[in-house]
Amino acid sequence: MELSAEYLREKLQRDLEAEHVEVEDTTPNRCASSFRVLVVSTKFEGKPLLQRHRLVNTCLAEELPHIHAFEQKTLTPEQWAHERQK
């Protein structure tokens, strides 16, 4: 399976109806086995962190077995707006 930051970004944005998605390939040689993601979606509203992460993990169920390390930050649009004001 060919993974890239752009592929993951598009899939997360589409499947989670995300307002904003950032995906960074954190593999030292950029070989697409380690990623850090930020996802901003209204689907996270009213959900605790664990449920938010499960939504992301479900979205990427096919890809996660091929990823060595995966770090995620999940925010609602309101939380994202507040963070950007800092």
Protein backbone atom coordinates (compact mmCIF):
# COMPACT_ATOMS: atom_id res chain seq x y z
CA MET A 1 0.00 0.00 0.00
CA GLU A 2 1.36 3.38 -1.08
CA LEU A 3 0.86 5.93 1.70
CA SER A 4 1.52 9.64 1.62
CA ALA A 5 0.65 12.62 3.76
CA GLU A 6 -1.53 13.97 0.95
CA TYR A 7 -3.44 10.68 0.60
CA LEU A 8 -4.14 10.55 4.35
CA ARG A 9 -5.15 14.23 4.40
CA GLU A 10 -7.65 13.76 1.58
CA LYS A 11 -9.16 10.63 3.12
CA LEU A 12 -9.54 12.20 6.56
CA GLN A 13 -11.01 15.37 5.09
CA ARG A 14 -13.52 13.47 2.98
CA ASP A 15 -14.58 10.75 5.43
CA LEU A 16 -14.72 12.92 8.56
CA GLU A 17 -16.11 15.96 6.74
CA ALA A 18 -13.23 17.89 8.28
CA GLU A 19 -12.91 21.65 8.09
CA HIS A 20 -9.15 21.45 8.44
CA VAL A 21 -6.63 18.61 8.24
CA GLU A 22 -2.87 18.72 8.61
CA VAL A 23 -0.77 15.62 8.02
CA GLU A 24 2.98 15.58 8.56
CA ASP A 25 5.21 12.69 7.58
CA THR A 26 7.46 12.46 10.65
CA THR A 27 9.60 9.60 9.35
CA PRO A 28 13.25 10.75 9.36
CA ASN A 29 13.73 9.92 5.65
CA ARG A 30 10.08 10.69 4.73
CA CYS A 31 9.35 7.08 3.83
CA ALA A 32 5.71 7.39 4.92
CA SER A 33 5.66 5.09 7.93
CA SER A 34 5.20 7.68 10.68
CA PHE A 35 2.65 10.51 10.73
CA ARG A 36 1.35 13.33 12.90
CA VAL A 37 -2.18 14.54 12.12
CA LEU A 38 -4.46 17.36 13.19
CA VAL A 39 -8.13 16.95 12.30
CA VAL A 40 -10.81 19.61 12.88
CA SER A 41 -14.35 18.31 12.44
CA THR A 42 -17.87 18.96 13.70
CA LYS A 43 -18.15 15.16 14.03
CA PHE A 44 -16.02 15.50 17.21
CA GLU A 45 -18.49 17.79 18.97
CA GLY A 46 -19.77 16.31 22.23
CA LYS A 47 -17.38 13.35 22.01
CA PRO A 48 -14.58 12.57 24.47
CA LEU A 49 -11.02 12.21 23.20
CA LEU A 50 -11.14 8.42 22.99
CA GLN A 51 -14.23 8.45 20.76
CA ARG A 52 -12.65 11.11 18.53
CA HIS A 53 -9.53 9.00 18.12
CA ARG A 54 -11.66 5.95 17.36
CA LEU A 55 -13.36 7.88 14.54
CA VAL A 56 -9.96 8.68 13.04
CA ASN A 57 -8.72 5.11 13.54
CA THR A 58 -11.87 3.71 11.89
CA CYS A 59 -11.41 6.07 8.95
CA LEU A 60 -7.84 4.84 8.50
CA ALA A 61 -8.45 1.18 9.37
CA GLU A 62 -6.88 -0.08 6.12
CA GLU A 63 -3.86 2.21 6.39
CA LEU A 64 -2.95 1.92 10.09
CA PRO A 65 -1.44 -1.60 9.85
CA HIS A 66 1.13 -0.12 7.43
CA ILE A 67 1.98 2.86 9.65
CA HIS A 68 4.70 2.46 12.26
CA ALA A 69 3.83 5.50 14.41
CA PHE A 70 0.69 7.63 14.40
CA GLU A 71 0.08 10.73 16.51
CA GLN A 72 -3.26 12.50 16.30
CA LYS A 73 -4.85 15.67 17.59
CA THR A 74 -8.62 15.98 17.17
CA LEU A 75 -10.45 19.27 17.67
CA THR A 76 -13.89 20.73 17.12
CA PRO A 77 -14.08 23.90 15.01
CA GLU A 78 -14.66 25.92 18.20
CA GLN A 79 -11.55 24.43 19.86
CA TRP A 80 -9.53 25.06 16.69
CA ALA A 81 -10.61 28.71 16.58
CA HIS A 82 -9.66 29.13 20.23
CA GLU A 83 -6.25 27.50 19.68
CA ARG A 84 -5.48 29.74 16.71
CA GLN A 85 -6.12 32.83 18.85
CA LYS A 86 -3.32 31.90 21.25
